Amino acid sequence: QTTDQTFYLLQIHSIKDGKLWDMGMDYFTYVCEGGILENTENFDDSAYHYFYRCTENGVEPIEKIVRDPISLYWGHALAGQDGKTVTEEKAKSILNSYKRLELDWKPFAKYPLS
């Protein structure tokens, strides 16, 4: 069973060497302050939170916080490192350090095409 959750398919662009650069497309759940992208999946008693930043090399992972559905332990891993068990308080502290932005989504028809 899953919870009702919205995922946004985002096409990410930047300017590199004076030219438009297509950094790729992926599903993200939230945009956070500082241009951080969050992908969150919640299923029953488990939770997965993945955080990414846009760099000159593209979208790169920062860290992840997970809650194991069997043991209900929380885990934390920085990009490229092995994960470790953390307290629920520590996990929530890390999650709360990312401030989610409210996006003002408009229907595509309302954007000028000129």
PDB file of N, CA and C in Angstrom:
ATOM      1  N   GLN A   1       0.848  -1.167   0.000  1.00  0.00           N
ATOM      2  CA  GLN A   1       0.000   0.000   0.000  1.00  0.00           C
ATOM      3  C   GLN A   1       0.894   1.230   0.000  1.00  0.00           C
ATOM      4  N   THR A   2       0.540   2.225  -0.785  1.00  0.00           N
ATOM      5  CA  THR A   2       1.314   3.453  -0.836  1.00  0.00           C
ATOM      6  C   THR A   2       0.446   4.614  -0.392  1.00  0.00           C
ATOM      7  N   THR A   3       1.092   5.700  -0.026  1.00  0.00           N
ATOM      8  CA  THR A   3       0.358   6.902   0.321  1.00  0.00           C
ATOM      9  C   THR A   3       0.166   7.732  -0.936  1.00  0.00           C
ATOM     10  N   ASP A   4      -0.817   8.633  -0.905  1.00  0.00           N
ATOM     11  CA  ASP A   4      -0.991   9.546  -2.031  1.00  0.00           C
ATOM     12  C   ASP A   4       0.181  10.508  -2.026  1.00  0.00           C
ATOM     13  N   GLN A   5       0.931  10.489  -3.097  1.00  0.00           N
ATOM     14  CA  GLN A   5       2.122  11.303  -3.168  1.00  0.00           C
ATOM     15  C   GLN A   5       2.276  11.810  -4.584  1.00  0.00           C
ATOM     16  N   THR A   6       2.660  13.074  -4.722  1.00  0.00           N
ATOM     17  CA  THR A   6       2.848  13.671  -6.033  1.00  0.00           C
ATOM     18  C   THR A   6       4.323  13.669  -6.374  1.00  0.00           C
ATOM     19  N   PHE A   7       4.648  13.234  -7.572  1.00  0.00           N
ATOM     20  CA  PHE A   7       6.006  13.292  -8.088  1.00  0.00           C
ATOM     21  C   PHE A   7       5.990  14.219  -9.288  1.00  0.00           C
ATOM     22  N   TYR A   8       6.989  15.057  -9.412  1.00  0.00           N
ATOM     23  CA  TYR A   8       7.100  15.978 -10.530  1.00  0.00           C
ATOM     24  C   TYR A   8       8.221  15.500 -11.440  1.00  0.00           C
ATOM     25  N   LEU A   9       7.891  15.346 -12.711  1.00  0.00           N
ATOM     26  CA  LEU A   9       8.910  15.022 -13.700  1.00  0.00           C
ATOM     27  C   LEU A   9       9.531  16.344 -14.119  1.00  0.00           C
ATOM     28  N   LEU A  10      10.764  16.574 -13.711  1.00  0.00           N
ATOM     29  CA  LEU A  10      11.423  17.845 -13.969  1.00  0.00           C
ATOM     30  C   LEU A  10      12.490  17.690 -15.030  1.00  0.00           C
ATOM     31  N   GLN A  11      12.441  18.551 -16.021  1.00  0.00           N
ATOM     32  CA  GLN A  11      13.494  18.671 -17.020  1.00  0.00           C
ATOM     33  C   GLN A  11      14.384  19.811 -16.541  1.00  0.00           C
ATOM     34  N   ILE A  12      15.638  19.547 -16.302  1.00  0.00           N
ATOM     35  CA  ILE A  12      16.529  20.523 -15.696  1.00  0.00           C
ATOM     36  C   ILE A  12      17.482  21.063 -16.757  1.00  0.00           C
ATOM     37  N   HIS A  13      17.523  22.396 -16.862  1.00  0.00           N
ATOM     38  CA  HIS A  13      18.387  23.065 -17.835  1.00  0.00           C
ATOM     39  C   HIS A  13      19.291  24.054 -17.107  1.00  0.00           C
ATOM     40  N   SER A  14      20.421  24.336 -17.712  1.00  0.00           N
ATOM     41  CA  SER A  14      21.343  25.343 -17.203  1.00  0.00           C
ATOM     42  C   SER A  14      22.072  25.944 -18.401  1.00  0.00           C
ATOM     43  N   ILE A  15      22.966  26.855 -18.141  1.00  0.00           N
ATOM     44  CA  ILE A  15      23.824  27.438 -19.176  1.00  0.00           C
ATOM     45  C   ILE A  15      25.243  26.975 -18.884  1.00  0.00           C
ATOM     46  N   LYS A  16      25.881  26.392 -19.881  1.00  0.00           N
ATOM     47  CA  LYS A  16      27.259  25.927 -19.724  1.00  0.00           C
ATOM     48  C   LYS A  16      28.045  26.391 -20.945  1.00  0.00           C
ATOM     49  N   ASP A  17      29.138  27.075 -20.730  1.00  0.00           N
ATOM     50  CA  ASP A  17      29.960  27.613 -21.819  1.00  0.00           C
ATOM     51  C   ASP A  17      29.121  28.444 -22.784  1.00  0.00           C
ATOM     52  N   GLY A  18      28.173  29.198 -22.213  1.00  0.00           N
ATOM     53  CA  GLY A  18      27.342  30.089 -23.020  1.00  0.00           C
ATOM     54  C   GLY A  18      26.262  29.394 -23.830  1.00  0.00           C
ATOM     55  N   LYS A  19      26.053  28.104 -23.614  1.00  0.00           N
ATOM     56  CA  LYS A  19      25.053  27.351 -24.367  1.00  0.00           C
ATOM     57  C   LYS A  19      24.076  26.676 -23.420  1.00  0.00           C
ATOM     58  N   LEU A  20      22.851  26.483 -23.905  1.00  0.00           N
ATOM     59  CA  LEU A  20      21.837  25.775 -23.131  1.00  0.00           C
ATOM     60  C   LEU A  20      22.296  24.343 -22.903  1.00  0.00           C
ATOM     61  N   TRP A  21      22.214  23.899 -21.679  1.00  0.00           N
ATOM     62  CA  TRP A  21      22.659  22.552 -21.318  1.00  0.00           C
ATOM     63  C   TRP A  21      21.502  21.804 -20.685  1.00  0.00           C
ATOM     64  N   ASP A  22      21.137  20.694 -21.284  1.00  0.00           N
ATOM     65  CA  ASP A  22      20.086  19.820 -20.759  1.00  0.00           C
ATOM     66  C   ASP A  22      20.733  18.882 -19.754  1.00  0.00           C
ATOM     67  N   MET A  23      20.458  19.132 -18.461  1.00  0.00           N
ATOM     68  CA  MET A  23      21.085  18.341 -17.405  1.00  0.00           C
ATOM     69  C   MET A  23      20.378  17.016 -17.171  1.00  0.00           C
ATOM     70  N   GLY A  24      19.216  16.854 -17.774  1.00  0.00           N
ATOM     71  CA  GLY A  24      18.520  15.586 -17.633  1.00  0.00           C
ATOM     72  C   GLY A  24      17.122  15.747 -17.089  1.00  0.00           C
ATOM     73  N   MET A  25      16.453  14.633 -16.983  1.00  0.00           N
ATOM     74  CA  MET A  25      15.072  14.603 -16.523  1.00  0.00           C
ATOM     75  C   MET A  25      14.949  13.501 -15.483  1.00  0.00           C
ATOM     76  N   ASP A  26      14.227  13.800 -14.429  1.00  0.00           N
ATOM     77  CA  ASP A  26      14.020  12.789 -13.394  1.00  0.00           C
ATOM     78  C   ASP A  26      12.796  13.180 -12.580  1.00  0.00           C
ATOM     79  N   TYR A  27      12.339  12.252 -11.764  1.00  0.00           N
ATOM     80  CA  TYR A  27      11.201  12.501 -10.889  1.00  0.00           C
ATOM     81  C   TYR A  27      11.692  12.987  -9.539  1.00  0.00           C
ATOM     82  N   PHE A  28      11.111  14.087  -9.067  1.00  0.00           N
ATOM     83  CA  PHE A  28      11.425  14.617  -7.753  1.00  0.00           C
ATOM     84  C   PHE A  28      10.120  14.955  -7.062  1.00  0.00           C
ATOM     85  N   THR A  29      10.127  14.900  -5.754  1.00  0.00           N
ATOM     86  CA  THR A  29       8.931  15.164  -4.969  1.00  0.00           C
ATOM     87  C   THR A  29       8.881  16.611  -4.514  1.00  0.00           C
ATOM     88  N   TYR A  30      10.053  17.180  -4.208  1.00  0.00           N
ATOM     89  CA  TYR A  30      10.115  18.547  -3.701  1.00  0.00           C
ATOM     90  C   TYR A  30      11.326  19.275  -4.244  1.00  0.00           C
ATOM     91  N   VAL A  31      11.201  20.600  -4.319  1.00  0.00           N
ATOM     92  CA  VAL A  31      12.336  21.487  -4.547  1.00  0.00           C
ATOM     93  C   VAL A  31      12.572  22.186  -3.222  1.00  0.00           C
ATOM     94  N   CYS A  32      13.820  22.169  -2.763  1.00  0.00           N
ATOM     95  CA  CYS A  32      14.166  22.770  -1.478  1.00  0.00           C
ATOM     96  C   CYS A  32      15.016  24.018  -1.695  1.00  0.00           C
ATOM     97  N   GLU A  33      15.140  24.823  -0.637  1.00  0.00           N
ATOM     98  CA  GLU A  33      15.974  26.018  -0.705  1.00  0.00           C
ATOM     99  C   GLU A  33      17.371  25.652  -1.195  1.00  0.00           C
ATOM    100  N   GLY A  34      17.994  26.594  -1.889  1.00  0.00           N
ATOM    101  CA  GLY A  34      19.357  26.384  -2.373  1.00  0.00           C
ATOM    102  C   GLY A  34      19.431  25.516  -3.615  1.00  0.00           C
ATOM    103  N   GLY A  35      18.293  25.293  -4.277  1.00  0.00           N
ATOM    104  CA  GLY A  35      18.292  24.484  -5.486  1.00  0.00           C
ATOM    105  C   GLY A  35      18.453  22.995  -5.235  1.00  0.00           C
ATOM    106  N   ILE A  36      18.174  22.553  -4.023  1.00  0.00           N
ATOM    107  CA  ILE A  36      18.266  21.134  -3.681  1.00  0.00           C
ATOM    108  C   ILE A  36      16.986  20.439  -4.127  1.00  0.00           C
ATOM    109  N   LEU A  37      17.118  19.267  -4.715  1.00  0.00           N
ATOM    110  CA  LEU A  37      15.982  18.462  -5.158  1.00  0.00           C
ATOM    111  C   LEU A  37      15.842  17.266  -4.228  1.00  0.00           C
ATOM    112  N   GLU A  38      14.599  16.965  -3.864  1.00  0.00           N
ATOM    113  CA  GLU A  38      14.333  15.841  -2.956  1.00  0.00           C
ATOM    114  C   GLU A  38      13.413  14.843  -3.642  1.00  0.00           C
ATOM    115  N   ASN A  39      13.772  13.593  -3.561  1.00  0.00           N
ATOM    116  CA  ASN A  39      12.913  12.508  -4.020  1.00  0.00           C
ATOM    117  C   ASN A  39      12.544  11.705  -2.780  1.00  0.00           C
ATOM    118  N   THR A  40      11.255  11.627  -2.499  1.00  0.00           N
ATOM    119  CA  THR A  40      10.767  10.952  -1.300  1.00  0.00           C
ATOM    120  C   THR A  40       9.804   9.847  -1.687  1.00  0.00           C
ATOM    121  N   GLU A  41       9.960   8.707  -1.058  1.00  0.00           N
ATOM    122  CA  GLU A  41       9.032   7.599  -1.243  1.00  0.00           C
ATOM    123  C   GLU A  41       8.621   7.115   0.144  1.00  0.00           C
ATOM    124  N   ASN A  42       7.327   7.052   0.380  1.00  0.00           N
ATOM    125  CA  ASN A  42       6.806   6.569   1.653  1.00  0.00           C
ATOM    126  C   ASN A  42       5.870   5.398   1.395  1.00  0.00           C
ATOM    127  N   PHE A  43       6.157   4.272   2.007  1.00  0.00           N
ATOM    128  CA  PHE A  43       5.333   3.071   1.895  1.00  0.00           C
ATOM    129  C   PHE A  43       5.133   2.501   3.284  1.00  0.00           C
ATOM    130  N   ASP A  44       3.899   2.478   3.728  1.00  0.00           N
ATOM    131  CA  ASP A  44       3.584   1.920   5.043  1.00  0.00           C
ATOM    132  C   ASP A  44       4.551   2.461   6.100  1.00  0.00           C
ATOM    133  N   ASP A  45       5.391   1.603   6.684  1.00  0.00           N
ATOM    134  CA  ASP A  45       6.296   2.028   7.754  1.00  0.00           C
ATOM    135  C   ASP A  45       7.693   2.400   7.269  1.00  0.00           C
ATOM    136  N   SER A  46       7.910   2.398   5.969  1.00  0.00           N
ATOM    137  CA  SER A  46       9.238   2.733   5.464  1.00  0.00           C
ATOM    138  C   SER A  46       9.226   4.141   4.871  1.00  0.00           C
ATOM    139  N   ALA A  47      10.398   4.722   4.794  1.00  0.00           N
ATOM    140  CA  ALA A  47      10.541   6.046   4.206  1.00  0.00           C
ATOM    141  C   ALA A  47      11.911   6.139   3.548  1.00  0.00           C
ATOM    142  N   TYR A  48      11.941   6.758   2.394  1.00  0.00           N
ATOM    143  CA  TYR A  48      13.188   6.974   1.662  1.00  0.00           C
ATOM    144  C   TYR A  48      13.227   8.437   1.258  1.00  0.00           C
ATOM    145  N   HIS A  49      14.280   9.140   1.620  1.00  0.00           N
ATOM    146  CA  HIS A  49      14.471  10.546   1.265  1.00  0.00           C
ATOM    147  C   HIS A  49      15.849  10.670   0.625  1.00  0.00           C
ATOM    148  N   TYR A  50      15.871  11.060  -0.630  1.00  0.00           N
ATOM    149  CA  TYR A  50      17.121  11.230  -1.365  1.00  0.00           C
ATOM    150  C   TYR A  50      17.263  12.700  -1.728  1.00  0.00           C
ATOM    151  N   PHE A  51      18.426  13.294  -1.501  1.00  0.00           N
ATOM    152  CA  PHE A  51      18.660  14.703  -1.774  1.00  0.00           C
ATOM    153  C   PHE A  51      19.750  14.849  -2.822  1.00  0.00           C
ATOM    154  N   TYR A  52      19.522  15.788  -3.768  1.00  0.00           N
ATOM    155  CA  TYR A  52      20.424  16.004  -4.902  1.00  0.00           C
ATOM    156  C   TYR A  52      20.672  17.500  -5.075  1.00  0.00           C
ATOM    157  N   ARG A  53      21.807  17.828  -5.671  1.00  0.00           N
ATOM    158  CA  ARG A  53      22.079  19.216  -6.057  1.00  0.00           C
ATOM    159  C   ARG A  53      22.508  19.238  -7.520  1.00  0.00           C
ATOM    160  N   CYS A  54      22.255  20.365  -8.139  1.00  0.00           N
ATOM    161  CA  CYS A  54      22.680  20.565  -9.524  1.00  0.00           C
ATOM    162  C   CYS A  54      24.074  21.180  -9.489  1.00  0.00           C
ATOM    163  N   THR A  55      25.010  20.539 -10.184  1.00  0.00           N
ATOM    164  CA  THR A  55      26.393  21.016 -10.231  1.00  0.00           C
ATOM    165  C   THR A  55      26.802  21.172 -11.686  1.00  0.00           C
ATOM    166  N   GLU A  56      28.012  21.569 -11.895  1.00  0.00           N
ATOM    167  CA  GLU A  56      28.512  21.714 -13.269  1.00  0.00           C
ATOM    168  C   GLU A  56      28.593  20.364 -13.994  1.00  0.00           C
ATOM    169  N   ASN A  57      28.507  19.272 -13.240  1.00  0.00           N
ATOM    170  CA  ASN A  57      28.540  17.934 -13.837  1.00  0.00           C
ATOM    171  C   ASN A  57      27.162  17.318 -14.005  1.00  0.00           C
ATOM    172  N   GLY A  58      26.132  18.026 -13.577  1.00  0.00           N
ATOM    173  CA  GLY A  58      24.768  17.498 -13.663  1.00  0.00           C
ATOM    174  C   GLY A  58      24.161  17.343 -12.284  1.00  0.00           C
ATOM    175  N   VAL A  59      23.119  16.548 -12.195  1.00  0.00           N
ATOM    176  CA  VAL A  59      22.435  16.317 -10.922  1.00  0.00           C
ATOM    177  C   VAL A  59      23.220  15.254 -10.150  1.00  0.00           C
ATOM    178  N   GLU A  60      23.678  15.614  -8.954  1.00  0.00           N
ATOM    179  CA  GLU A  60      24.512  14.712  -8.165  1.00  0.00           C
ATOM    180  C   GLU A  60      23.901  14.471  -6.786  1.00  0.00           C
ATOM    181  N   PRO A  61      23.998  13.244  -6.282  1.00  0.00           N
ATOM    182  CA  PRO A  61      23.445  12.942  -4.950  1.00  0.00           C
ATOM    183  C   PRO A  61      24.231  13.631  -3.843  1.00  0.00           C
ATOM    184  N   ILE A  62      23.503  14.018  -2.778  1.00  0.00           N
ATOM    185  CA  ILE A  62      24.126  14.603  -1.591  1.00  0.00           C
ATOM    186  C   ILE A  62      24.118  13.570  -0.466  1.00  0.00           C
ATOM    187  N   GLU A  63      22.905  13.118  -0.133  1.00  0.00           N
ATOM    188  CA  GLU A  63      22.754  12.160   0.967  1.00  0.00           C
ATOM    189  C   GLU A  63      21.368  11.550   0.920  1.00  0.00           C
ATOM    190  N   LYS A  64      21.190  10.522   1.747  1.00  0.00           N
ATOM    191  CA  LYS A  64      19.875   9.895   1.850  1.00  0.00           C
ATOM    192  C   LYS A  64      19.586   9.524   3.291  1.00  0.00           C
ATOM    193  N   ILE A  65      18.298   9.533   3.593  1.00  0.00           N
ATOM    194  CA  ILE A  65      17.785   9.098   4.892  1.00  0.00           C
ATOM    195  C   ILE A  65      16.747   8.028   4.598  1.00  0.00           C
ATOM    196  N   VAL A  66      16.853   6.882   5.255  1.00  0.00           N
ATOM    197  CA  VAL A  66      15.894   5.794   5.023  1.00  0.00           C
ATOM    198  C   VAL A  66      15.394   5.250   6.358  1.00  0.00           C
ATOM    199  N   ARG A  67      14.174   4.738   6.322  1.00  0.00           N
ATOM    200  CA  ARG A  67      13.622   4.039   7.490  1.00  0.00           C
ATOM    201  C   ARG A  67      13.283   2.631   7.041  1.00  0.00           C
ATOM    202  N   ASP A  68      13.934   1.665   7.641  1.00  0.00           N
ATOM    203  CA  ASP A  68      13.741   0.266   7.278  1.00  0.00           C
ATOM    204  C   ASP A  68      12.342  -0.187   7.673  1.00  0.00           C
ATOM    205  N   PRO A  69      11.601  -0.817   6.746  1.00  0.00           N
ATOM    206  CA  PRO A  69      10.230  -1.224   7.051  1.00  0.00           C
ATOM    207  C   PRO A  69      10.118  -2.399   8.023  1.00  0.00           C
ATOM    208  N   ILE A  70      11.173  -3.168   8.183  1.00  0.00           N
ATOM    209  CA  ILE A  70      11.143  -4.326   9.084  1.00  0.00           C
ATOM    210  C   ILE A  70      11.600  -3.935  10.490  1.00  0.00           C
ATOM    211  N   SER A  71      12.803  -3.400  10.567  1.00  0.00           N
ATOM    212  CA  SER A  71      13.370  -3.063  11.882  1.00  0.00           C
ATOM    213  C   SER A  71      12.901  -1.703  12.398  1.00  0.00           C
ATOM    214  N   LEU A  72      12.417  -0.854  11.489  1.00  0.00           N
ATOM    215  CA  LEU A  72      11.997   0.520  11.780  1.00  0.00           C
ATOM    216  C   LEU A  72      13.160   1.403  12.235  1.00  0.00           C
ATOM    217  N   TYR A  73      14.409   0.939  12.015  1.00  0.00           N
ATOM    218  CA  TYR A  73      15.581   1.757  12.293  1.00  0.00           C
ATOM    219  C   TYR A  73      15.748   2.787  11.187  1.00  0.00           C
ATOM    220  N   TRP A  74      16.352   3.920  11.545  1.00  0.00           N
ATOM    221  CA  TRP A  74      16.675   4.966  10.580  1.00  0.00           C
ATOM    222  C   TRP A  74      18.123   4.805  10.143  1.00  0.00           C
ATOM    223  N   GLY A  75      18.390   5.096   8.883  1.00  0.00           N
ATOM    224  CA  GLY A  75      19.741   5.048   8.353  1.00  0.00           C
ATOM    225  C   GLY A  75      20.074   6.330   7.617  1.00  0.00           C
ATOM    226  N   HIS A  76      21.364   6.644   7.552  1.00  0.00           N
ATOM    227  CA  HIS A  76      21.840   7.848   6.877  1.00  0.00           C
ATOM    228  C   HIS A  76      23.100   7.509   6.102  1.00  0.00           C
ATOM    229  N   ALA A  77      23.200   8.047   4.899  1.00  0.00           N
ATOM    230  CA  ALA A  77      24.413   7.859   4.109  1.00  0.00           C
ATOM    231  C   ALA A  77      24.678   9.111   3.293  1.00  0.00           C
ATOM    232  N   LEU A  78      25.920   9.575   3.337  1.00  0.00           N
ATOM    233  CA  LEU A  78      26.354  10.635   2.440  1.00  0.00           C
ATOM    234  C   LEU A  78      26.691   9.999   1.101  1.00  0.00           C
ATOM    235  N   ALA A  79      26.604  10.775   0.042  1.00  0.00           N
ATOM    236  CA  ALA A  79      26.889  10.249  -1.293  1.00  0.00           C
ATOM    237  C   ALA A  79      28.266   9.596  -1.332  1.00  0.00           C
ATOM    238  N   GLY A  80      28.318   8.401  -1.882  1.00  0.00           N
ATOM    239  CA  GLY A  80      29.573   7.687  -2.038  1.00  0.00           C
ATOM    240  C   GLY A  80      30.110   7.036  -0.774  1.00  0.00           C
ATOM    241  N   GLN A  81      29.343   7.065   0.309  1.00  0.00           N
ATOM    242  CA  GLN A  81      29.799   6.457   1.561  1.00  0.00           C
ATOM    243  C   GLN A  81      28.806   5.399   2.010  1.00  0.00           C
ATOM    244  N   ASP A  82      29.298   4.504   2.860  1.00  0.00           N
ATOM    245  CA  ASP A  82      28.418   3.498   3.434  1.00  0.00           C
ATOM    246  C   ASP A  82      27.471   4.158   4.428  1.00  0.00           C
ATOM    247  N   GLY A  83      26.263   3.624   4.520  1.00  0.00           N
ATOM    248  CA  GLY A  83      25.279   4.149   5.456  1.00  0.00           C
ATOM    249  C   GLY A  83      25.524   3.662   6.868  1.00  0.00           C
ATOM    250  N   LYS A  84      24.910   4.353   7.817  1.00  0.00           N
ATOM    251  CA  LYS A  84      25.009   3.949   9.210  1.00  0.00           C
ATOM    252  C   LYS A  84      23.660   4.196   9.878  1.00  0.00           C
ATOM    253  N   THR A  85      23.401   3.474  10.931  1.00  0.00           N
ATOM    254  CA  THR A  85      22.168   3.648  11.697  1.00  0.00           C
ATOM    255  C   THR A  85      22.274   4.936  12.502  1.00  0.00           C
ATOM    256  N   VAL A  86      21.168   5.696  12.527  1.00  0.00           N
ATOM    257  CA  VAL A  86      21.110   6.927  13.311  1.00  0.00           C
ATOM    258  C   VAL A  86      19.814   6.922  14.120  1.00  0.00           C
ATOM    259  N   THR A  87      19.760   7.771  15.110  1.00  0.00           N
ATOM    260  CA  THR A  87      18.538   7.883  15.908  1.00  0.00           C
ATOM    261  C   THR A  87      17.450   8.563  15.078  1.00  0.00           C
ATOM    262  N   GLU A  88      16.211   8.348  15.477  1.00  0.00           N
ATOM    263  CA  GLU A  88      15.102   9.021  14.804  1.00  0.00           C
ATOM    264  C   GLU A  88      15.264  10.534  14.916  1.00  0.00           C
ATOM    265  N   GLU A  89      15.726  11.000  16.067  1.00  0.00           N
ATOM    266  CA  GLU A  89      15.946  12.434  16.276  1.00  0.00           C
ATOM    267  C   GLU A  89      16.971  12.979  15.282  1.00  0.00           C
ATOM    268  N   LYS A  90      18.077  12.266  15.087  1.00  0.00           N
ATOM    269  CA  LYS A  90      19.121  12.691  14.137  1.00  0.00           C
ATOM    270  C   LYS A  90      18.564  12.677  12.709  1.00  0.00           C
ATOM    271  N   ALA A  91      17.828  11.625  12.345  1.00  0.00           N
ATOM    272  CA  ALA A  91      17.251  11.531  11.006  1.00  0.00           C
ATOM    273  C   ALA A  91      16.312  12.707  10.745  1.00  0.00           C
ATOM    274  N   LYS A  92      15.458  13.013  11.698  1.00  0.00           N
ATOM    275  CA  LYS A  92      14.512  14.118  11.518  1.00  0.00           C
ATOM    276  C   LYS A  92      15.217  15.465  11.502  1.00  0.00           C
ATOM    277  N   SER A  93      16.316  15.583  12.234  1.00  0.00           N
ATOM    278  CA  SER A  93      17.108  16.807  12.207  1.00  0.00           C
ATOM    279  C   SER A  93      17.687  17.042  10.810  1.00  0.00           C
ATOM    280  N   ILE A  94      18.206  15.980  10.205  1.00  0.00           N
ATOM    281  CA  ILE A  94      18.744  16.088   8.838  1.00  0.00           C
ATOM    282  C   ILE A  94      17.622  16.435   7.867  1.00  0.00           C
ATOM    283  N   LEU A  95      16.491  15.737   7.973  1.00  0.00           N
ATOM    284  CA  LEU A  95      15.366  16.010   7.074  1.00  0.00           C
ATOM    285  C   LEU A  95      14.886  17.452   7.225  1.00  0.00           C
ATOM    286  N   ASN A  96      14.810  17.939   8.444  1.00  0.00           N
ATOM    287  CA  ASN A  96      14.336  19.305   8.685  1.00  0.00           C
ATOM    288  C   ASN A  96      15.330  20.371   8.249  1.00  0.00           C
ATOM    289  N   SER A  97      16.577  19.975   7.994  1.00  0.00           N
ATOM    290  CA  SER A  97      17.572  20.955   7.536  1.00  0.00           C
ATOM    291  C   SER A  97      17.327  21.358   6.083  1.00  0.00           C
ATOM    292  N   TYR A  98      16.538  20.581   5.369  1.00  0.00           N
ATOM    293  CA  TYR A  98      16.169  20.908   3.987  1.00  0.00           C
ATOM    294  C   TYR A  98      14.803  21.582   4.005  1.00  0.00           C
ATOM    295  N   LYS A  99      14.760  22.849   3.663  1.00  0.00           N
ATOM    296  CA  LYS A  99      13.517  23.634   3.682  1.00  0.00           C
ATOM    297  C   LYS A  99      12.831  23.522   2.330  1.00  0.00           C
ATOM    298  N   ARG A 100      11.688  22.853   2.320  1.00  0.00           N
ATOM    299  CA  ARG A 100      10.926  22.667   1.080  1.00  0.00           C
ATOM    300  C   ARG A 100      10.266  23.973   0.655  1.00  0.00           C
ATOM    301  N   LEU A 101      10.264  24.213  -0.648  1.00  0.00           N
ATOM    302  CA  LEU A 101       9.642  25.405  -1.210  1.00  0.00           C
ATOM    303  C   LEU A 101       8.252  25.075  -1.718  1.00  0.00           C
ATOM    304  N   GLU A 102       7.346  26.020  -1.587  1.00  0.00           N
ATOM    305  CA  GLU A 102       6.019  25.904  -2.193  1.00  0.00           C
ATOM    306  C   GLU A 102       6.124  26.448  -3.611  1.00  0.00           C
ATOM    307  N   LEU A 103       5.841  25.636  -4.589  1.00  0.00           N
ATOM    308  CA  LEU A 103       5.906  26.071  -5.980  1.00  0.00           C
ATOM    309  C   LEU A 103       4.525  26.500  -6.453  1.00  0.00           C
ATOM    310  N   ASP A 104       4.494  27.579  -7.203  1.00  0.00           N
ATOM    311  CA  ASP A 104       3.252  28.096  -7.754  1.00  0.00           C
ATOM    312  C   ASP A 104       3.087  27.526  -9.161  1.00  0.00           C
ATOM    313  N   TRP A 105       2.495  26.336  -9.249  1.00  0.00           N
ATOM    314  CA  TRP A 105       2.321  25.664 -10.535  1.00  0.00           C
ATOM    315  C   TRP A 105       1.147  26.278 -11.286  1.00  0.00           C
ATOM    316  N   LYS A 106       1.350  26.527 -12.562  1.00  0.00           N
ATOM    317  CA  LYS A 106       0.302  27.065 -13.422  1.00  0.00           C
ATOM    318  C   LYS A 106       0.075  26.091 -14.575  1.00  0.00           C
ATOM    319  N   PRO A 107      -1.132  26.100 -15.130  1.00  0.00           N
ATOM    320  CA  PRO A 107      -1.358  25.267 -16.314  1.00  0.00           C
ATOM    321  C   PRO A 107      -0.431  25.696 -17.457  1.00  0.00           C
ATOM    322  N   PHE A 108       0.022  24.748 -18.221  1.00  0.00           N
ATOM    323  CA  PHE A 108       0.960  25.004 -19.304  1.00  0.00           C
ATOM    324  C   PHE A 108       0.440  26.094 -20.249  1.00  0.00           C
ATOM    325  N   ALA A 109      -0.871  26.120 -20.462  1.00  0.00           N
ATOM    326  CA  ALA A 109      -1.490  27.092 -21.376  1.00  0.00           C
ATOM    327  C   ALA A 109      -1.277  28.527 -20.917  1.00  0.00           C
ATOM    328  N   LYS A 110      -0.981  28.757 -19.651  1.00  0.00           N
ATOM    329  CA  LYS A 110      -0.789  30.125 -19.137  1.00  0.00           C
ATOM    330  C   LYS A 110       0.612  30.651 -19.333  1.00  0.00           C
ATOM    331  N   TYR A 111       1.537  29.833 -19.814  1.00  0.00           N
ATOM    332  CA  TYR A 111       2.901  30.291 -20.054  1.00  0.00           C
ATOM    333  C   TYR A 111       3.013  30.828 -21.475  1.00  0.00           C
ATOM    334  N   PRO A 112       3.646  31.989 -21.637  1.00  0.00           N
ATOM    335  CA  PRO A 112       3.799  32.543 -22.999  1.00  0.00           C
ATOM    336  C   PRO A 112       4.727  31.663 -23.833  1.00  0.00           C
ATOM    337  N   LEU A 113       4.381  31.488 -25.070  1.00  0.00           N
ATOM    338  CA  LEU A 113       5.191  30.653 -25.958  1.00  0.00           C
ATOM    339  C   LEU A 113       6.045  31.472 -26.922  1.00  0.00           C
ATOM    340  N   SER A 114       6.092  32.780 -26.747  1.00  0.00           N
ATOM    341  CA  SER A 114       6.880  33.604 -27.661  1.00  0.00           C
ATOM    342  C   SER A 114       8.301  33.776 -27.192  1.00  0.00           C
TER     343      SER A 114
END
